Amino acid sequence: MSGNEIAALIAAGAFALLVVVLAVPILRLRRTADAATALLEQLTAQTGPLLSSVTATVDNVSTTLGQVQVTVDGVNAQLAKVDTMTSQLATATSGISHLVGSIAGHAQGPLAKAAGVAFGLRRALRQRRS
């Protein structure tokens, strides 16, 4: 064996050793890639139903919000009617107050006179008795 052949054998052995040394991390990296792939498959399998559930929930919330809007519109319509009745009652109350004040003003004069006459008659009867 010549020097070139020995050098070629040493180079081949070093290359084989290098392949063996690099094969271990590559195999570990393959296991890591397989685990990541399995994890992504599980995540995909669980995400589909979850997204379907979220979509159904959003649809239910949207329907409920539509119903709430209809209810709020109905309440607003009823409040408008109540506002109209309240303003009409305020107008009626004001008219009744003016009417009572007018009647009281007209009745006070004659009642005061009648009270004065009754007081005078009582006084006169007391004086006559004594």
N, C-alpha and C. Protein backbone atom coordinates (compact mmCIF):
# COMPACT_ATOMS: atom_id res chain seq x y z
N MET A 1 0.83 -1.18 0.00
CA MET A 1 0.00 0.00 0.00
C MET A 1 0.87 1.24 0.00
N SER A 2 0.47 2.07 -0.85
CA SER A 2 1.25 3.29 -1.00
C SER A 2 0.70 4.37 -0.08
N GLY A 3 1.37 5.45 0.00
CA GLY A 3 0.97 6.57 0.88
C GLY A 3 -0.35 7.18 0.45
N ASN A 4 -0.58 7.17 -0.86
CA ASN A 4 -1.84 7.74 -1.35
C ASN A 4 -3.03 6.88 -0.94
N GLU A 5 -2.83 5.60 -0.99
CA GLU A 5 -3.92 4.69 -0.62
C GLU A 5 -4.22 4.80 0.87
N ILE A 6 -3.19 4.92 1.68
CA ILE A 6 -3.39 5.07 3.13
C ILE A 6 -4.10 6.39 3.41
N ALA A 7 -3.71 7.43 2.74
CA ALA A 7 -4.35 8.73 2.93
C ALA A 7 -5.81 8.68 2.50
N ALA A 8 -6.08 7.92 1.42
CA ALA A 8 -7.46 7.79 0.95
C ALA A 8 -8.27 7.00 1.96
N LEU A 9 -7.67 5.93 2.57
CA LEU A 9 -8.38 5.16 3.59
C LEU A 9 -8.66 6.01 4.83
N ILE A 10 -7.70 6.82 5.23
CA ILE A 10 -7.91 7.70 6.40
C ILE A 10 -9.01 8.71 6.09
N ALA A 11 -8.99 9.25 4.89
CA ALA A 11 -10.02 10.23 4.50
C ALA A 11 -11.39 9.56 4.46
N ALA A 12 -11.47 8.33 3.95
CA ALA A 12 -12.74 7.61 3.89
C ALA A 12 -13.23 7.31 5.30
N GLY A 13 -12.32 6.90 6.20
CA GLY A 13 -12.71 6.63 7.59
C GLY A 13 -13.20 7.89 8.28
N ALA A 14 -12.51 9.01 8.05
CA ALA A 14 -12.93 10.28 8.65
C ALA A 14 -14.30 10.70 8.13
N PHE A 15 -14.48 10.47 6.83
CA PHE A 15 -15.78 10.83 6.24
C PHE A 15 -16.88 9.96 6.83
N ALA A 16 -16.62 8.65 7.00
CA ALA A 16 -17.60 7.74 7.59
C ALA A 16 -17.90 8.15 9.02
N LEU A 17 -16.87 8.53 9.78
CA LEU A 17 -17.07 8.99 11.15
C LEU A 17 -17.90 10.28 11.17
N LEU A 18 -17.61 11.17 10.23
CA LEU A 18 -18.38 12.42 10.13
C LEU A 18 -19.85 12.14 9.83
N VAL A 19 -20.12 11.19 8.96
CA VAL A 19 -21.50 10.82 8.62
C VAL A 19 -22.20 10.25 9.84
N VAL A 20 -21.52 9.39 10.60
CA VAL A 20 -22.13 8.81 11.80
C VAL A 20 -22.40 9.89 12.84
N VAL A 21 -21.44 10.79 13.03
CA VAL A 21 -21.61 11.86 14.03
C VAL A 21 -22.77 12.78 13.63
N LEU A 22 -22.88 13.10 12.36
CA LEU A 22 -23.96 14.00 11.90
C LEU A 22 -25.30 13.29 11.80
N ALA A 23 -25.31 11.97 11.72
CA ALA A 23 -26.56 11.23 11.60
C ALA A 23 -27.38 11.31 12.89
N VAL A 24 -26.74 11.34 14.04
CA VAL A 24 -27.45 11.40 15.32
C VAL A 24 -28.28 12.70 15.43
N PRO A 25 -27.71 13.89 15.24
CA PRO A 25 -28.55 15.09 15.32
C PRO A 25 -29.62 15.15 14.24
N ILE A 26 -29.31 14.60 13.06
CA ILE A 26 -30.32 14.61 12.00
C ILE A 26 -31.49 13.71 12.40
N LEU A 27 -31.23 12.55 13.01
CA LEU A 27 -32.31 11.68 13.46
C LEU A 27 -33.12 12.35 14.58
N ARG A 28 -32.44 13.04 15.49
CA ARG A 28 -33.15 13.76 16.55
C ARG A 28 -34.01 14.88 15.96
N LEU A 29 -33.46 15.54 14.97
CA LEU A 29 -34.21 16.61 14.32
C LEU A 29 -35.43 16.04 13.61
N ARG A 30 -35.29 14.83 13.06
CA ARG A 30 -36.43 14.18 12.40
C ARG A 30 -37.52 13.89 13.43
N ARG A 31 -37.14 13.39 14.61
CA ARG A 31 -38.12 13.13 15.67
C ARG A 31 -38.81 14.42 16.09
N THR A 32 -38.06 15.49 16.19
CA THR A 32 -38.64 16.79 16.56
C THR A 32 -39.63 17.26 15.49
N ALA A 33 -39.25 17.08 14.23
CA ALA A 33 -40.14 17.46 13.13
C ALA A 33 -41.41 16.60 13.14
N ASP A 34 -41.26 15.29 13.43
CA ASP A 34 -42.43 14.41 13.51
C ASP A 34 -43.35 14.83 14.66
N ALA A 35 -42.77 15.17 15.81
CA ALA A 35 -43.57 15.61 16.96
C ALA A 35 -44.29 16.92 16.63
N ALA A 36 -43.60 17.84 15.96
CA ALA A 36 -44.23 19.11 15.58
C ALA A 36 -45.36 18.86 14.59
N THR A 37 -45.16 17.94 13.67
CA THR A 37 -46.21 17.61 12.70
C THR A 37 -47.42 17.01 13.41
N ALA A 38 -47.20 16.11 14.34
CA ALA A 38 -48.31 15.51 15.10
C ALA A 38 -49.04 16.58 15.90
N LEU A 39 -48.29 17.48 16.51
CA LEU A 39 -48.91 18.56 17.28
C LEU A 39 -49.77 19.45 16.39
N LEU A 40 -49.26 19.78 15.22
CA LEU A 40 -50.03 20.60 14.29
C LEU A 40 -51.28 19.88 13.80
N GLU A 41 -51.18 18.57 13.60
CA GLU A 41 -52.36 17.79 13.19
C GLU A 41 -53.42 17.80 14.29
N GLN A 42 -52.98 17.63 15.55
CA GLN A 42 -53.92 17.68 16.67
C GLN A 42 -54.56 19.06 16.78
N LEU A 43 -53.74 20.08 16.63
CA LEU A 43 -54.24 21.45 16.70
C LEU A 43 -55.26 21.71 15.60
N THR A 44 -54.97 21.24 14.42
CA THR A 44 -55.91 21.41 13.30
C THR A 44 -57.20 20.65 13.58
N ALA A 45 -57.09 19.45 14.12
CA ALA A 45 -58.29 18.65 14.41
C ALA A 45 -59.15 19.31 15.48
N GLN A 46 -58.53 19.97 16.45
CA GLN A 46 -59.30 20.61 17.52
C GLN A 46 -59.78 22.00 17.12
N THR A 47 -59.08 22.66 16.22
CA THR A 47 -59.44 24.02 15.83
C THR A 47 -60.69 24.05 14.98
N GLY A 48 -60.86 23.05 14.13
CA GLY A 48 -62.06 23.00 13.26
C GLY A 48 -63.35 23.05 14.06
N PRO A 49 -63.58 22.10 14.98
CA PRO A 49 -64.81 22.14 15.78
C PRO A 49 -64.91 23.42 16.63
N LEU A 50 -63.77 23.89 17.13
CA LEU A 50 -63.80 25.10 17.95
C LEU A 50 -64.26 26.29 17.12
N LEU A 51 -63.75 26.41 15.91
CA LEU A 51 -64.18 27.51 15.05
C LEU A 51 -65.65 27.37 14.66
N SER A 52 -66.12 26.15 14.46
CA SER A 52 -67.55 25.94 14.18
C SER A 52 -68.39 26.38 15.36
N SER A 53 -67.93 26.05 16.56
CA SER A 53 -68.65 26.45 17.78
C SER A 53 -68.66 27.97 17.93
N VAL A 54 -67.54 28.59 17.65
CA VAL A 54 -67.47 30.05 17.75
C VAL A 54 -68.40 30.69 16.72
N THR A 55 -68.44 30.14 15.52
CA THR A 55 -69.33 30.67 14.48
C THR A 55 -70.78 30.54 14.90
N ALA A 56 -71.15 29.40 15.48
CA ALA A 56 -72.53 29.21 15.94
C ALA A 56 -72.85 30.19 17.07
N THR A 57 -71.91 30.40 17.97
CA THR A 57 -72.13 31.34 19.07
C THR A 57 -72.30 32.76 18.54
N VAL A 58 -71.49 33.15 17.59
CA VAL A 58 -71.61 34.49 17.01
C VAL A 58 -72.95 34.63 16.30
N ASP A 59 -73.39 33.61 15.60
CA ASP A 59 -74.70 33.65 14.95
C ASP A 59 -75.82 33.80 15.98
N ASN A 60 -75.72 33.06 17.11
CA ASN A 60 -76.73 33.18 18.16
C ASN A 60 -76.74 34.57 18.78
N VAL A 61 -75.55 35.12 19.00
CA VAL A 61 -75.46 36.46 19.57
C VAL A 61 -76.05 37.48 18.60
N SER A 62 -75.78 37.31 17.32
CA SER A 62 -76.32 38.21 16.31
C SER A 62 -77.84 38.16 16.30
N THR A 63 -78.40 36.95 16.37
CA THR A 63 -79.85 36.80 16.42
C THR A 63 -80.43 37.46 17.66
N THR A 64 -79.77 37.23 18.80
CA THR A 64 -80.24 37.82 20.06
C THR A 64 -80.17 39.33 20.01
N LEU A 65 -79.11 39.87 19.43
CA LEU A 65 -79.00 41.33 19.32
C LEU A 65 -80.10 41.89 18.42
N GLY A 66 -80.45 41.16 17.38
CA GLY A 66 -81.57 41.60 16.53
C GLY A 66 -82.87 41.63 17.31
N GLN A 67 -83.10 40.61 18.13
CA GLN A 67 -84.30 40.57 18.95
C GLN A 67 -84.30 41.69 19.98
N VAL A 68 -83.14 41.97 20.57
CA VAL A 68 -83.04 43.06 21.54
C VAL A 68 -83.34 44.39 20.86
N GLN A 69 -82.87 44.56 19.64
CA GLN A 69 -83.13 45.81 18.92
C GLN A 69 -84.62 45.98 18.66
N VAL A 70 -85.30 44.90 18.30
CA VAL A 70 -86.75 44.96 18.10
C VAL A 70 -87.44 45.35 19.41
N THR A 71 -86.99 44.75 20.52
CA THR A 71 -87.57 45.06 21.82
C THR A 71 -87.33 46.52 22.20
N VAL A 72 -86.12 46.99 21.98
CA VAL A 72 -85.79 48.39 22.30
C VAL A 72 -86.63 49.34 21.44
N ASP A 73 -86.83 48.99 20.18
CA ASP A 73 -87.67 49.83 19.32
C ASP A 73 -89.11 49.87 19.85
N GLY A 74 -89.61 48.72 20.30
CA GLY A 74 -90.96 48.68 20.89
C GLY A 74 -91.05 49.52 22.15
N VAL A 75 -90.03 49.43 23.00
CA VAL A 75 -90.01 50.22 24.24
C VAL A 75 -89.96 51.71 23.91
N ASN A 76 -89.16 52.07 22.92
CA ASN A 76 -89.08 53.48 22.53
C ASN A 76 -90.42 53.99 22.00
N ALA A 77 -91.13 53.16 21.25
CA ALA A 77 -92.46 53.56 20.76
C ALA A 77 -93.42 53.76 21.94
N GLN A 78 -93.36 52.85 22.92
CA GLN A 78 -94.24 53.00 24.09
C GLN A 78 -93.87 54.23 24.90
N LEU A 79 -92.58 54.52 25.02
CA LEU A 79 -92.15 55.71 25.75
C LEU A 79 -92.61 56.97 25.04
N ALA A 80 -92.64 56.97 23.73
CA ALA A 80 -93.15 58.13 22.99
C ALA A 80 -94.62 58.33 23.31
N LYS A 81 -95.38 57.24 23.40
CA LYS A 81 -96.80 57.35 23.76
C LYS A 81 -96.95 57.88 25.19
N VAL A 82 -96.10 57.39 26.10
CA VAL A 82 -96.15 57.85 27.49
C VAL A 82 -95.81 59.34 27.56
N ASP A 83 -94.83 59.79 26.76
CA ASP A 83 -94.48 61.21 26.73
C ASP A 83 -95.67 62.05 26.27
N THR A 84 -96.38 61.57 25.26
CA THR A 84 -97.56 62.29 24.77
C THR A 84 -98.63 62.36 25.86
N MET A 85 -98.87 61.23 26.53
CA MET A 85 -99.89 61.23 27.59
C MET A 85 -99.46 62.14 28.74
N THR A 86 -98.19 62.14 29.07
CA THR A 86 -97.70 62.98 30.16
C THR A 86 -97.87 64.46 29.83
N SER A 87 -97.57 64.84 28.61
CA SER A 87 -97.75 66.25 28.24
C SER A 87 -99.22 66.63 28.24
N GLN A 88 -100.09 65.71 27.80
CA GLN A 88 -101.53 66.00 27.83
C GLN A 88 -102.03 66.09 29.26
N LEU A 89 -101.52 65.23 30.14
CA LEU A 89 -101.91 65.30 31.56
C LEU A 89 -101.40 66.59 32.20
N ALA A 90 -100.23 67.04 31.81
CA ALA A 90 -99.71 68.30 32.34
C ALA A 90 -100.60 69.46 31.90
N THR A 91 -101.05 69.45 30.66
CA THR A 91 -101.95 70.48 30.16
C THR A 91 -103.28 70.44 30.91
N ALA A 92 -103.82 69.23 31.11
CA ALA A 92 -105.09 69.09 31.84
C ALA A 92 -104.93 69.54 33.28
N THR A 93 -103.84 69.18 33.93
CA THR A 93 -103.60 69.58 35.31
C THR A 93 -103.50 71.09 35.42
N SER A 94 -102.85 71.71 34.47
CA SER A 94 -102.74 73.17 34.47
C SER A 94 -104.12 73.80 34.34
N GLY A 95 -104.95 73.26 33.45
CA GLY A 95 -106.32 73.79 33.28
C GLY A 95 -107.14 73.62 34.54
N ILE A 96 -107.03 72.46 35.18
CA ILE A 96 -107.78 72.22 36.42
C ILE A 96 -107.31 73.16 37.51
N SER A 97 -106.01 73.40 37.58
CA SER A 97 -105.47 74.32 38.58
C SER A 97 -106.02 75.73 38.38
N HIS A 98 -106.06 76.18 37.14
CA HIS A 98 -106.63 77.52 36.86
C HIS A 98 -108.12 77.57 37.20
N LEU A 99 -108.84 76.47 36.90
CA LEU A 99 -110.27 76.41 37.21
C LEU A 99 -110.50 76.47 38.72
N VAL A 100 -109.72 75.71 39.48
CA VAL A 100 -109.86 75.71 40.94
C VAL A 100 -109.52 77.08 41.50
N GLY A 101 -108.48 77.71 40.98
CA GLY A 101 -108.12 79.04 41.44
C GLY A 101 -109.21 80.05 41.12
N SER A 102 -109.81 79.93 39.96
CA SER A 102 -110.88 80.84 39.57
C SER A 102 -112.10 80.65 40.47
N ILE A 103 -112.47 79.38 40.71
CA ILE A 103 -113.64 79.10 41.57
C ILE A 103 -113.36 79.59 42.98
N ALA A 104 -112.15 79.35 43.47
CA ALA A 104 -111.81 79.79 44.83
C ALA A 104 -111.87 81.31 44.92
N GLY A 105 -111.39 81.99 43.87
CA GLY A 105 -111.42 83.46 43.87
C GLY A 105 -112.84 83.99 43.88
N HIS A 106 -113.72 83.36 43.11
CA HIS A 106 -115.12 83.82 43.07
C HIS A 106 -115.88 83.44 44.32
N ALA A 107 -115.53 82.33 44.93
CA ALA A 107 -116.26 81.88 46.11
C ALA A 107 -115.78 82.59 47.37
N GLN A 108 -114.57 83.11 47.39
CA GLN A 108 -114.04 83.72 48.61
C GLN A 108 -114.79 85.00 48.96
N GLY A 109 -115.11 85.78 47.97
CA GLY A 109 -115.82 87.04 48.25
C GLY A 109 -117.15 86.80 48.96
N PRO A 110 -118.07 86.04 48.40
CA PRO A 110 -119.36 85.79 49.06
C PRO A 110 -119.21 85.03 50.38
N LEU A 111 -118.27 84.10 50.46
CA LEU A 111 -118.09 83.36 51.71
C LEU A 111 -117.59 84.29 52.81
N ALA A 112 -116.71 85.21 52.47
CA ALA A 112 -116.22 86.16 53.47
C ALA A 112 -117.36 87.05 53.94
N LYS A 113 -118.18 87.46 53.00
CA LYS A 113 -119.33 88.30 53.38
C LYS A 113 -120.30 87.54 54.25
N ALA A 114 -120.57 86.28 53.89
CA ALA A 114 -121.49 85.46 54.69
C ALA A 114 -120.92 85.24 56.08
N ALA A 115 -119.62 85.01 56.17
CA ALA A 115 -118.99 84.81 57.48
C ALA A 115 -119.08 86.11 58.29
N GLY A 116 -118.89 87.23 57.63
CA GLY A 116 -119.01 88.52 58.34
C GLY A 116 -120.42 88.75 58.85
N VAL A 117 -121.42 88.44 58.02
CA VAL A 117 -122.82 88.60 58.44
C VAL A 117 -123.13 87.68 59.60
N ALA A 118 -122.66 86.41 59.52
CA ALA A 118 -122.92 85.45 60.61
C ALA A 118 -122.26 85.92 61.89
N PHE A 119 -121.05 86.45 61.80
CA PHE A 119 -120.37 86.96 62.98
C PHE A 119 -121.14 88.15 63.58
N GLY A 120 -121.59 89.02 62.69
CA GLY A 120 -122.35 90.18 63.16
C GLY A 120 -123.66 89.78 63.83
N LEU A 121 -124.37 88.80 63.24
CA LEU A 121 -125.63 88.35 63.84
C LEU A 121 -125.38 87.70 65.19
N ARG A 122 -124.36 86.91 65.31
CA ARG A 122 -124.04 86.27 66.57
C ARG A 122 -123.73 87.31 67.64
N ARG A 123 -122.97 88.31 67.26
CA ARG A 123 -122.61 89.36 68.21
C ARG A 123 -123.85 90.15 68.63
N ALA A 124 -124.67 90.41 67.66
CA ALA A 124 -125.89 91.17 67.98
C ALA A 124 -126.80 90.35 68.89
N LEU A 125 -126.92 89.05 68.67
CA LEU A 125 -127.76 88.22 69.52
C LEU A 125 -127.18 88.12 70.93
N ARG A 126 -125.91 88.09 71.09
CA ARG A 126 -125.28 88.05 72.41
C ARG A 126 -125.56 89.36 73.15
N GLN A 127 -125.43 90.43 72.43
CA GLN A 127 -125.66 91.72 73.09
C GLN A 127 -127.12 91.87 73.48
N ARG A 128 -127.98 91.38 72.69
CA ARG A 128 -129.40 91.49 73.00
C ARG A 128 -129.75 90.61 74.19
N ARG A 129 -129.16 89.46 74.32
CA ARG A 129 -129.42 88.58 75.43
C ARG A 129 -128.86 89.15 76.72
N SER A 130 -127.78 89.86 76.63
CA SER A 130 -127.22 90.36 77.85
C SER A 130 -127.77 91.67 78.21
